[in-house]
Amino acid sequence: ALRQVLTPENFARVQPGNVGIEVNNIVGGVASQSLGVGWHFAPPGTHIYEYPVFTRTYTWTASSTEQSAIDESFNFQDKNGLSLKADVAVSYHVDPVRASILFQRYRTDMDQIIAGPLRNAIRNAIVERAAQLGVEDIYGPHKSELIATAQRRVQVFFAPVVLQVEQIYWAGNIGVPPQVLEQINAKIANEQAALAAQANVATANANAD
């Protein structure tokens, strides 16, 4: 009788903090039940994809010493077409029970989802909201609101495929052209000086009274 000889290539390991999704590449079948941590039998034609079930963070940054050697920062514009730039970070995890839904939608691993669909969704959400604001709003009072609005839109977009986007946040200051930043700082300084002058006048009047 013929007997199958199992080799290390017949097994795949799901690392701690992940679930596995078993995919039969021959017939294109995707197992609906997630695989837990440990070694699993993976016969020829079968591949096991891993998705994180605990919080992970990825930062798209201009720095070459961070998660990528290339500039991954986000470029967008204000309502007047002024070009801005920012490092953006996201924290996320996948529903451990229904992780197969995510694979059925994108047919790829987590790294490719981060680099493609997730990045594009976040960028589009930032671009859409930033285009409604002036640079002074983006750099000032609407900075937090802009990223919070983008977060809500991205969370809604990925909810059906059980990718839980926990938080999106600025990973540094928003990059503004130097001459524009000088104008903003000068305006802030003038406003503060005016407020200080008003306070001095009020104090002088109070002392006179």
Protein backbone atom coordinates (compact mmCIF):
# COMPACT_ATOMS: atom_id res chain seq x y z
CA ALA A 1 0.00 0.00 0.00
CA LEU A 2 1.16 3.53 -0.71
CA ARG A 3 1.67 5.73 2.30
CA GLN A 4 1.95 9.52 2.27
CA VAL A 5 5.22 10.79 3.77
CA LEU A 6 4.72 14.07 5.60
CA THR A 7 7.52 16.61 5.37
CA PRO A 8 8.00 20.07 6.96
CA GLU A 9 6.62 21.53 3.71
CA ASN A 10 3.29 19.86 4.51
CA PHE A 11 2.79 22.09 7.56
CA ALA A 12 2.43 25.81 8.21
CA ARG A 13 2.62 27.66 11.49
CA VAL A 14 0.25 30.38 12.66
CA GLN A 15 2.23 32.76 14.85
CA PRO A 16 0.98 34.09 18.23
CA GLY A 17 -1.30 37.10 17.87
CA ASN A 18 -2.67 35.90 14.52
CA VAL A 19 -5.29 33.64 13.03
CA GLY A 20 -4.79 31.61 9.91
CA ILE A 21 -6.98 31.39 6.84
CA GLU A 22 -6.62 28.19 4.83
CA VAL A 23 -6.86 28.66 1.06
CA ASN A 24 -6.90 25.90 -1.51
CA ASN A 25 -5.12 27.41 -4.50
CA ILE A 26 -6.14 24.55 -6.80
CA VAL A 27 -9.91 24.90 -6.51
CA GLY A 28 -9.94 28.44 -5.14
CA GLY A 29 -11.66 27.45 -1.91
CA VAL A 30 -11.42 29.49 1.28
CA ALA A 31 -12.07 27.80 4.64
CA SER A 32 -14.65 29.72 6.65
CA GLN A 33 -13.23 28.62 10.01
CA SER A 34 -10.12 30.40 11.24
CA LEU A 35 -7.05 28.47 12.36
CA GLY A 36 -5.58 29.11 15.80
CA VAL A 37 -1.97 29.52 16.86
CA GLY A 38 0.28 26.52 16.16
CA TRP A 39 1.20 24.09 13.38
CA HIS A 40 -1.41 23.05 10.82
CA PHE A 41 -1.42 20.49 8.05
CA ALA A 42 -1.08 22.21 4.67
CA PRO A 43 -1.03 19.73 1.78
CA PRO A 44 0.30 20.74 -1.66
CA GLY A 45 -1.85 23.43 -3.24
CA THR A 46 -2.84 24.84 0.14
CA HIS A 47 -1.63 28.13 1.59
CA ILE A 48 -2.31 29.59 5.02
CA TYR A 49 -2.56 33.36 5.32
CA GLU A 50 -2.11 35.10 8.67
CA TYR A 51 -4.10 38.08 9.92
CA PRO A 52 -3.49 39.90 13.24
CA VAL A 53 -6.18 39.60 15.93
CA PHE A 54 -4.42 41.87 18.43
CA THR A 55 -3.72 45.54 17.87
CA ARG A 56 -0.97 46.30 15.36
CA THR A 57 0.26 49.71 14.27
CA TYR A 58 1.66 50.89 10.97
CA THR A 59 3.12 54.34 10.27
CA TRP A 60 3.44 55.85 6.82
CA THR A 61 6.36 58.24 7.20
CA ALA A 62 8.86 60.18 5.13
CA SER A 63 11.74 58.79 7.18
CA SER A 64 13.89 56.11 5.53
CA THR A 65 14.70 54.57 8.93
CA GLU A 66 11.10 53.74 9.85
CA GLN A 67 8.94 50.91 8.50
CA SER A 68 9.92 51.50 4.89
CA ALA A 69 13.05 52.83 3.22
CA ILE A 70 10.95 54.95 0.85
CA ASP A 71 8.92 58.08 1.56
CA GLU A 72 5.43 56.82 2.44
CA SER A 73 4.05 60.06 3.88
CA PHE A 74 0.67 61.38 2.69
CA ASN A 75 0.34 64.30 0.28
CA PHE A 76 -2.88 66.33 0.14
CA GLN A 77 -4.11 69.85 -0.55
CA ASP A 78 -6.16 72.49 1.21
CA LYS A 79 -9.19 74.13 -0.43
CA ASN A 80 -6.92 76.59 -2.24
CA GLY A 81 -4.73 73.89 -3.75
CA LEU A 82 -1.80 74.41 -1.36
CA SER A 83 0.26 71.21 -1.12
CA LEU A 84 0.64 69.72 2.37
CA LYS A 85 2.35 66.62 3.69
CA ALA A 86 2.08 64.48 6.82
CA ASP A 87 3.13 61.24 8.47
CA VAL A 88 0.07 59.16 9.39
CA ALA A 89 -0.29 56.10 11.63
CA VAL A 90 -3.06 53.53 11.99
CA SER A 91 -3.79 50.89 14.62
CA TYR A 92 -5.94 47.94 13.59
CA HIS A 93 -6.85 44.29 14.09
CA VAL A 94 -8.97 41.63 12.38
CA ASP A 95 -12.04 39.87 13.78
CA PRO A 96 -10.62 36.44 14.71
CA VAL A 97 -13.85 34.55 13.99
CA ARG A 98 -14.71 36.07 10.62
CA ALA A 99 -11.22 36.71 9.23
CA SER A 100 -12.00 34.70 6.09
CA ILE A 101 -14.29 37.54 4.95
CA LEU A 102 -11.26 39.83 4.69
CA PHE A 103 -9.39 37.36 2.49
CA GLN A 104 -12.43 36.75 0.30
CA ARG A 105 -12.60 40.48 -0.38
CA TYR A 106 -8.93 41.24 -1.07
CA ARG A 107 -7.32 37.84 -1.79
CA THR A 108 -3.96 38.82 -0.31
CA ASP A 109 -1.98 39.04 2.92
CA MET A 110 -2.05 41.77 5.56
CA ASP A 111 1.06 43.57 4.30
CA GLN A 112 -0.54 44.07 0.89
CA ILE A 113 -3.83 45.20 2.42
CA ILE A 114 -1.96 47.82 4.45
CA ALA A 115 0.02 49.01 1.42
CA GLY A 116 -3.00 49.04 -0.89
CA PRO A 117 -6.65 49.23 0.23
CA LEU A 118 -6.03 50.56 3.75
CA ARG A 119 -3.59 53.26 2.70
CA ASN A 120 -5.80 54.33 -0.21
CA ALA A 121 -8.90 54.57 1.98
CA ILE A 122 -7.12 56.69 4.58
CA ARG A 123 -5.54 58.94 1.98
CA ASN A 124 -8.85 59.47 0.17
CA ALA A 125 -10.60 60.34 3.44
CA ILE A 126 -7.92 62.89 4.37
CA VAL A 127 -7.86 64.40 0.88
CA GLU A 128 -11.65 64.73 0.80
CA ARG A 129 -11.91 66.55 4.13
CA ALA A 130 -8.75 68.67 3.70
CA ALA A 131 -10.11 70.01 0.39
CA GLN A 132 -12.88 71.70 2.39
CA LEU A 133 -10.50 73.55 4.72
CA GLY A 134 -7.93 76.33 4.47
CA VAL A 135 -4.34 75.76 5.50
CA GLU A 136 -4.75 77.78 8.70
CA ASP A 137 -7.66 75.53 9.72
CA ILE A 138 -5.75 72.35 8.87
CA TYR A 139 -2.65 73.47 10.75
CA GLY A 140 -4.67 74.88 13.61
CA PRO A 141 -8.20 74.41 14.98
CA HIS A 142 -9.32 71.67 12.54
CA LYS A 143 -6.20 69.52 12.70
CA SER A 144 -7.74 67.02 15.13
CA GLU A 145 -11.16 67.16 13.49
CA LEU A 146 -9.69 66.40 10.07
CA ILE A 147 -8.04 63.15 11.16
CA ALA A 148 -11.05 62.18 13.31
CA THR A 149 -13.35 62.61 10.32
CA ALA A 150 -11.03 60.49 8.18
CA GLN A 151 -11.00 57.82 10.89
CA ARG A 152 -14.80 57.58 11.03
CA ARG A 153 -15.07 57.24 7.24
CA VAL A 154 -12.39 54.54 7.09
CA GLN A 155 -13.95 52.61 9.98
CA VAL A 156 -17.29 52.53 8.17
CA PHE A 157 -15.61 51.48 4.92
CA PHE A 158 -13.81 48.47 6.42
CA ALA A 159 -16.45 47.33 8.92
CA PRO A 160 -18.16 44.94 6.44
CA VAL A 161 -14.88 43.06 5.85
CA VAL A 162 -14.17 42.81 9.61
CA LEU A 163 -10.98 44.88 9.53
CA GLN A 164 -11.28 46.87 12.75
CA VAL A 165 -9.58 50.26 12.32
CA GLU A 166 -9.08 51.34 15.92
CA GLN A 167 -7.40 54.70 15.45
CA ILE A 168 -5.86 56.91 12.79
CA TYR A 169 -3.63 59.74 13.95
CA TRP A 170 -1.00 62.23 12.84
CA ALA A 171 2.47 60.78 13.50
CA GLY A 172 4.08 64.22 13.50
CA ASN A 173 3.45 67.79 12.45
CA ILE A 174 1.71 68.57 9.18
CA GLY A 175 4.25 69.75 6.64
CA VAL A 176 3.49 73.26 5.40
CA PRO A 177 5.62 75.27 2.92
CA PRO A 178 8.09 77.42 4.95
CA GLN A 179 6.80 80.75 3.69
CA VAL A 180 3.22 79.80 4.55
CA LEU A 181 4.26 78.60 8.00
CA GLU A 182 5.99 81.94 8.61
CA GLN A 183 2.77 83.75 7.72
CA ILE A 184 0.72 81.54 10.04
CA ASN A 185 3.17 82.03 12.92
CA ALA A 186 3.25 85.77 12.32
CA LYS A 187 -0.54 85.94 12.36
CA ILE A 188 -0.69 83.94 15.60
CA ALA A 189 1.94 86.21 17.16
CA ASN A 190 -0.03 89.32 16.13
CA GLU A 191 -3.26 87.88 17.55
CA GLN A 192 -1.54 87.05 20.82
CA ALA A 193 -0.03 90.52 20.98
CA ALA A 194 -3.45 92.07 20.37
CA LEU A 195 -4.98 89.98 23.14
CA ALA A 196 -2.18 90.96 25.49
CA ALA A 197 -2.71 94.64 24.64
CA GLN A 198 -6.45 94.32 25.35
CA ALA A 199 -5.68 92.67 28.67
CA ASN A 200 -3.29 95.51 29.59
CA VAL A 201 -5.92 98.12 28.75
CA ALA A 202 -8.52 96.29 30.82
CA THR A 203 -6.09 96.07 33.74
CA ALA A 204 -5.23 99.78 33.48
CA ASN A 205 -8.92 100.74 33.43
CA ALA A 206 -9.63 98.55 36.43
CA ASN A 207 -6.77 100.13 38.38
CA ALA A 208 -7.98 103.60 37.42
CA ASP A 209 -11.45 102.82 38.64
